[in-house]
Amino acid sequence: MSIAIRDEQESDIAAIRALTLQAFADVPQSRQTEAAVIDALRAAGALTLSLVAVEGGDIVGHVAVSPLSIDGDAGPGWYGGGPLSVRPDRQRAGIGTALIRAVFERLRGNGARGAVVVGDPRYYERFGFRQATTLALPDVPAENLLVLALDGQCPTGTVAFHPAFGVEDTTPPA
């Protein structure tokens, strides 16, 4: 069965939330707020990209991308990637890879300068991410702060993801 990647539609919101909750349920590092973060980004109009992977009519993956700032400067073209969710029974089937490739195709096409993610370097290095030695993010181990400079120039400073990433409420929006 083939995977189609497309922009989220309003009718996908409940499925994205359920998928995200399921994908992070057994992740020990998770605060279990990923679905609430996506909801808050959407409510704030801060989802630069919200892509879904569809297989046989079912949403099996999702990725969110939002603007970030470095030392308080939103400086055009820098984005935070994540959360990235793949349905547990479809993980390790290339769905996350397809979503990430689609994101970077879109970001490059839109003139983005780069992206920052917090994650496992072993996973993200295959896409060109490297440890962000010139960047910092409070309370995040340096080895898990990763950067991909699409224009070849990595900035220096403290990264701040959108305030939605600080959400604590995990209840679904009304």
C-alpha atoms as a PDB file:
ATOM      1  CA  MET A   1       0.000   0.000   0.000  1.00  0.00           C
ATOM      2  CA  SER A   2       1.351   3.451  -0.829  1.00  0.00           C
ATOM      3  CA  ILE A   3       1.641   6.452   1.467  1.00  0.00           C
ATOM      4  CA  ALA A   4       0.346   9.861   0.400  1.00  0.00           C
ATOM      5  CA  ILE A   5       1.626  13.001   2.126  1.00  0.00           C
ATOM      6  CA  ARG A   6      -0.691  16.008   2.198  1.00  0.00           C
ATOM      7  CA  ASP A   7      -1.560  19.110   4.203  1.00  0.00           C
ATOM      8  CA  GLU A   8      -3.820  18.581   7.183  1.00  0.00           C
ATOM      9  CA  GLN A   9      -7.496  19.279   6.642  1.00  0.00           C
ATOM     10  CA  GLU A  10      -9.915  20.412   9.312  1.00  0.00           C
ATOM     11  CA  SER A  11     -11.525  16.971   9.243  1.00  0.00           C
ATOM     12  CA  ASP A  12      -8.138  15.437  10.233  1.00  0.00           C
ATOM     13  CA  ILE A  13      -7.767  17.231  13.567  1.00  0.00           C
ATOM     14  CA  ALA A  14      -9.319  14.535  15.791  1.00  0.00           C
ATOM     15  CA  ALA A  15      -7.356  11.783  14.007  1.00  0.00           C
ATOM     16  CA  ILE A  16      -4.090  13.756  14.383  1.00  0.00           C
ATOM     17  CA  ARG A  17      -4.736  14.175  18.106  1.00  0.00           C
ATOM     18  CA  ALA A  18      -5.511  10.452  18.580  1.00  0.00           C
ATOM     19  CA  LEU A  19      -2.483   9.420  16.512  1.00  0.00           C
ATOM     20  CA  THR A  20      -0.165  11.724  18.464  1.00  0.00           C
ATOM     21  CA  LEU A  21      -1.419  10.453  21.831  1.00  0.00           C
ATOM     22  CA  GLN A  22      -0.934   6.868  20.646  1.00  0.00           C
ATOM     23  CA  ALA A  23       2.518   7.512  19.149  1.00  0.00           C
ATOM     24  CA  PHE A  24       3.915   9.063  22.343  1.00  0.00           C
ATOM     25  CA  ALA A  25       2.109   6.871  24.903  1.00  0.00           C
ATOM     26  CA  ASP A  26       5.136   4.674  25.606  1.00  0.00           C
ATOM     27  CA  VAL A  27       7.920   7.209  25.041  1.00  0.00           C
ATOM     28  CA  PRO A  28       9.727   7.620  28.383  1.00  0.00           C
ATOM     29  CA  GLN A  29      11.047  11.138  27.611  1.00  0.00           C
ATOM     30  CA  SER A  30       7.568  12.404  26.701  1.00  0.00           C
ATOM     31  CA  ARG A  31       5.635  14.741  28.987  1.00  0.00           C
ATOM     32  CA  GLN A  32       2.506  13.480  27.188  1.00  0.00           C
ATOM     33  CA  THR A  33       1.723  17.006  25.954  1.00  0.00           C
ATOM     34  CA  GLU A  34       2.558  16.563  22.260  1.00  0.00           C
ATOM     35  CA  ALA A  35      -1.079  16.499  21.110  1.00  0.00           C
ATOM     36  CA  ALA A  36      -1.845  19.572  23.221  1.00  0.00           C
ATOM     37  CA  VAL A  37       1.183  21.343  21.715  1.00  0.00           C
ATOM     38  CA  ILE A  38      -0.148  20.731  18.201  1.00  0.00           C
ATOM     39  CA  ASP A  39      -3.612  21.952  19.251  1.00  0.00           C
ATOM     40  CA  ALA A  40      -2.081  25.096  20.784  1.00  0.00           C
ATOM     41  CA  LEU A  41       0.075  25.770  17.703  1.00  0.00           C
ATOM     42  CA  ARG A  42      -3.012  25.401  15.512  1.00  0.00           C
ATOM     43  CA  ALA A  43      -5.073  27.701  17.762  1.00  0.00           C
ATOM     44  CA  ALA A  44      -2.308  30.330  17.683  1.00  0.00           C
ATOM     45  CA  GLY A  45      -2.068  30.188  13.887  1.00  0.00           C
ATOM     46  CA  ALA A  46       1.534  29.030  14.304  1.00  0.00           C
ATOM     47  CA  LEU A  47       1.498  25.819  12.281  1.00  0.00           C
ATOM     48  CA  THR A  48       3.721  26.694   9.346  1.00  0.00           C
ATOM     49  CA  LEU A  49       3.261  23.143   8.114  1.00  0.00           C
ATOM     50  CA  SER A  50       1.011  20.369   9.344  1.00  0.00           C
ATOM     51  CA  LEU A  51       1.413  17.345   7.101  1.00  0.00           C
ATOM     52  CA  VAL A  52      -0.268  13.970   7.369  1.00  0.00           C
ATOM     53  CA  ALA A  53       0.723  10.609   5.935  1.00  0.00           C
ATOM     54  CA  VAL A  54      -2.289   8.717   4.658  1.00  0.00           C
ATOM     55  CA  GLU A  55      -2.380   5.009   3.894  1.00  0.00           C
ATOM     56  CA  GLY A  56      -5.553   3.307   2.710  1.00  0.00           C
ATOM     57  CA  GLY A  57      -7.630   6.271   3.870  1.00  0.00           C
ATOM     58  CA  ASP A  58      -6.148   6.214   7.403  1.00  0.00           C
ATOM     59  CA  ILE A  59      -3.849   8.835   8.877  1.00  0.00           C
ATOM     60  CA  VAL A  60      -0.745   6.919   9.930  1.00  0.00           C
ATOM     61  CA  GLY A  61       1.669   9.815  10.466  1.00  0.00           C
ATOM     62  CA  HIS A  62       1.823  13.531  11.183  1.00  0.00           C
ATOM     63  CA  VAL A  63       4.449  16.232  11.487  1.00  0.00           C
ATOM     64  CA  ALA A  64       4.126  19.807  12.691  1.00  0.00           C
ATOM     65  CA  VAL A  65       6.491  22.679  11.882  1.00  0.00           C
ATOM     66  CA  SER A  66       6.366  26.117  13.492  1.00  0.00           C
ATOM     67  CA  PRO A  67       8.483  29.276  13.542  1.00  0.00           C
ATOM     68  CA  LEU A  68      11.098  29.635  16.255  1.00  0.00           C
ATOM     69  CA  SER A  69      13.316  32.427  17.480  1.00  0.00           C
ATOM     70  CA  ILE A  70      17.010  32.545  18.219  1.00  0.00           C
ATOM     71  CA  ASP A  71      17.994  35.049  20.925  1.00  0.00           C
ATOM     72  CA  GLY A  72      14.546  36.587  20.654  1.00  0.00           C
ATOM     73  CA  ASP A  73      14.902  37.307  16.937  1.00  0.00           C
ATOM     74  CA  ALA A  74      12.302  35.454  14.938  1.00  0.00           C
ATOM     75  CA  GLY A  75      14.695  36.131  12.067  1.00  0.00           C
ATOM     76  CA  PRO A  76      12.919  34.942   8.983  1.00  0.00           C
ATOM     77  CA  GLY A  77      13.336  31.424   7.852  1.00  0.00           C
ATOM     78  CA  TRP A  78      14.090  29.365  10.980  1.00  0.00           C
ATOM     79  CA  TYR A  79      11.621  26.684  12.037  1.00  0.00           C
ATOM     80  CA  GLY A  80      11.115  24.138  14.764  1.00  0.00           C
ATOM     81  CA  GLY A  81      10.260  20.644  13.670  1.00  0.00           C
ATOM     82  CA  GLY A  82       7.915  18.485  15.664  1.00  0.00           C
ATOM     83  CA  PRO A  83       6.137  16.794  17.066  1.00  0.00           C
ATOM     84  CA  LEU A  84       6.589  13.964  14.563  1.00  0.00           C
ATOM     85  CA  SER A  85       4.156  11.083  15.115  1.00  0.00           C
ATOM     86  CA  VAL A  86       3.783   7.714  13.426  1.00  0.00           C
ATOM     87  CA  ARG A  87       1.177   5.152  14.427  1.00  0.00           C
ATOM     88  CA  PRO A  88       3.018   2.548  16.543  1.00  0.00           C
ATOM     89  CA  ASP A  89       2.133  -0.404  14.298  1.00  0.00           C
ATOM     90  CA  ARG A  90       3.503   1.510  11.256  1.00  0.00           C
ATOM     91  CA  GLN A  91       6.755   2.742  12.801  1.00  0.00           C
ATOM     92  CA  ARG A  92       9.995   1.731  11.054  1.00  0.00           C
ATOM     93  CA  ALA A  93       8.140   1.556   7.728  1.00  0.00           C
ATOM     94  CA  GLY A  94       9.511   4.803   6.259  1.00  0.00           C
ATOM     95  CA  ILE A  95       6.534   6.994   7.144  1.00  0.00           C
ATOM     96  CA  GLY A  96       8.496   9.363   9.399  1.00  0.00           C
ATOM     97  CA  THR A  97      11.199   9.579   6.754  1.00  0.00           C
ATOM     98  CA  ALA A  98       8.628  10.451   4.078  1.00  0.00           C
ATOM     99  CA  LEU A  99       7.130  13.162   6.292  1.00  0.00           C
ATOM    100  CA  ILE A 100      10.513  14.715   7.077  1.00  0.00           C
ATOM    101  CA  ARG A 101      11.545  14.706   3.414  1.00  0.00           C
ATOM    102  CA  ALA A 102       8.249  16.372   2.477  1.00  0.00           C
ATOM    103  CA  VAL A 103       8.790  19.023   5.155  1.00  0.00           C
ATOM    104  CA  PHE A 104      12.242  19.914   3.886  1.00  0.00           C
ATOM    105  CA  GLU A 105      11.111  19.984   0.289  1.00  0.00           C
ATOM    106  CA  ARG A 106       8.448  22.509   1.314  1.00  0.00           C
ATOM    107  CA  LEU A 107      10.763  24.545   3.546  1.00  0.00           C
ATOM    108  CA  ARG A 108      13.454  24.767   0.860  1.00  0.00           C
ATOM    109  CA  GLY A 109      10.806  25.800  -1.671  1.00  0.00           C
ATOM    110  CA  ASN A 110       9.677  28.560   0.691  1.00  0.00           C
ATOM    111  CA  GLY A 111      13.214  29.912   1.164  1.00  0.00           C
ATOM    112  CA  ALA A 112      13.661  28.642   4.733  1.00  0.00           C
ATOM    113  CA  ARG A 113      17.101  29.101   6.249  1.00  0.00           C
ATOM    114  CA  GLY A 114      16.946  26.046   8.490  1.00  0.00           C
ATOM    115  CA  ALA A 115      15.314  23.961  11.158  1.00  0.00           C
ATOM    116  CA  VAL A 116      15.929  22.900  14.718  1.00  0.00           C
ATOM    117  CA  VAL A 117      14.622  19.728  16.345  1.00  0.00           C
ATOM    118  CA  VAL A 118      14.909  18.106  19.731  1.00  0.00           C
ATOM    119  CA  GLY A 119      15.361  14.399  19.259  1.00  0.00           C
ATOM    120  CA  ASP A 120      17.520  11.354  18.827  1.00  0.00           C
ATOM    121  CA  PRO A 121      20.643  12.256  16.836  1.00  0.00           C
ATOM    122  CA  ARG A 122      20.836   8.712  15.425  1.00  0.00           C
ATOM    123  CA  TYR A 123      17.473   9.261  13.740  1.00  0.00           C
ATOM    124  CA  TYR A 124      17.834  12.849  12.567  1.00  0.00           C
ATOM    125  CA  GLU A 125      21.448  12.711  11.337  1.00  0.00           C
ATOM    126  CA  ARG A 126      20.309  10.741   8.270  1.00  0.00           C
ATOM    127  CA  PHE A 127      18.498  13.909   7.132  1.00  0.00           C
ATOM    128  CA  GLY A 128      21.550  16.126   7.571  1.00  0.00           C
ATOM    129  CA  PHE A 129      20.864  17.345  11.113  1.00  0.00           C
ATOM    130  CA  ARG A 130      23.908  17.871  13.302  1.00  0.00           C
ATOM    131  CA  GLN A 131      24.410  18.701  16.957  1.00  0.00           C
ATOM    132  CA  ALA A 132      23.721  22.398  17.350  1.00  0.00           C
ATOM    133  CA  THR A 133      27.056  23.383  18.861  1.00  0.00           C
ATOM    134  CA  THR A 134      26.348  27.107  18.373  1.00  0.00           C
ATOM    135  CA  LEU A 135      22.818  26.904  19.778  1.00  0.00           C
ATOM    136  CA  ALA A 136      21.363  26.210  23.205  1.00  0.00           C
ATOM    137  CA  LEU A 137      17.926  25.379  24.553  1.00  0.00           C
ATOM    138  CA  PRO A 138      17.392  25.472  28.315  1.00  0.00           C
ATOM    139  CA  ASP A 139      16.715  22.080  29.912  1.00  0.00           C
ATOM    140  CA  VAL A 140      17.588  20.157  26.729  1.00  0.00           C
ATOM    141  CA  PRO A 141      20.759  18.059  26.608  1.00  0.00           C
ATOM    142  CA  ALA A 142      23.140  19.451  23.981  1.00  0.00           C
ATOM    143  CA  GLU A 143      23.299  16.125  22.150  1.00  0.00           C
ATOM    144  CA  ASN A 144      19.524  16.238  21.555  1.00  0.00           C
ATOM    145  CA  LEU A 145      19.416  19.769  20.139  1.00  0.00           C
ATOM    146  CA  LEU A 146      19.928  19.332  16.410  1.00  0.00           C
ATOM    147  CA  VAL A 147      20.120  21.816  13.557  1.00  0.00           C
ATOM    148  CA  LEU A 148      19.904  21.678   9.790  1.00  0.00           C
ATOM    149  CA  ALA A 149      21.108  24.872   8.110  1.00  0.00           C
ATOM    150  CA  LEU A 150      19.470  24.850   4.696  1.00  0.00           C
ATOM    151  CA  ASP A 151      21.442  27.927   3.651  1.00  0.00           C
ATOM    152  CA  GLY A 152      24.695  26.532   5.055  1.00  0.00           C
ATOM    153  CA  GLN A 153      24.946  29.070   7.883  1.00  0.00           C
ATOM    154  CA  CYS A 154      24.164  27.979  11.418  1.00  0.00           C
ATOM    155  CA  PRO A 155      23.159  30.792  13.774  1.00  0.00           C
ATOM    156  CA  THR A 156      24.463  31.308  17.288  1.00  0.00           C
ATOM    157  CA  GLY A 157      22.267  31.823  20.332  1.00  0.00           C
ATOM    158  CA  THR A 158      19.481  30.506  22.491  1.00  0.00           C
ATOM    159  CA  VAL A 159      16.588  28.811  20.725  1.00  0.00           C
ATOM    160  CA  ALA A 160      12.991  29.454  21.747  1.00  0.00           C
ATOM    161  CA  PHE A 161      10.253  27.308  20.301  1.00  0.00           C
ATOM    162  CA  HIS A 162       6.747  28.769  20.097  1.00  0.00           C
ATOM    163  CA  PRO A 163       5.131  29.263  23.551  1.00  0.00           C
ATOM    164  CA  ALA A 164       2.725  26.427  22.684  1.00  0.00           C
ATOM    165  CA  PHE A 165       5.542  24.006  23.505  1.00  0.00           C
ATOM    166  CA  GLY A 166       5.159  24.991  27.165  1.00  0.00           C
ATOM    167  CA  VAL A 167       1.537  23.857  27.333  1.00  0.00           C
ATOM    168  CA  GLU A 168       0.718  21.670  30.312  1.00  0.00           C
ATOM    169  CA  ASP A 169      -2.970  21.011  29.698  1.00  0.00           C
ATOM    170  CA  THR A 170      -3.414  17.753  27.846  1.00  0.00           C
ATOM    171  CA  THR A 171      -7.214  17.815  27.673  1.00  0.00           C
ATOM    172  CA  PRO A 172      -8.713  18.111  24.203  1.00  0.00           C
ATOM    173  CA  PRO A 173      -9.880  21.560  23.145  1.00  0.00           C
ATOM    174  CA  ALA A 174     -13.616  22.227  23.339  1.00  0.00           C
END
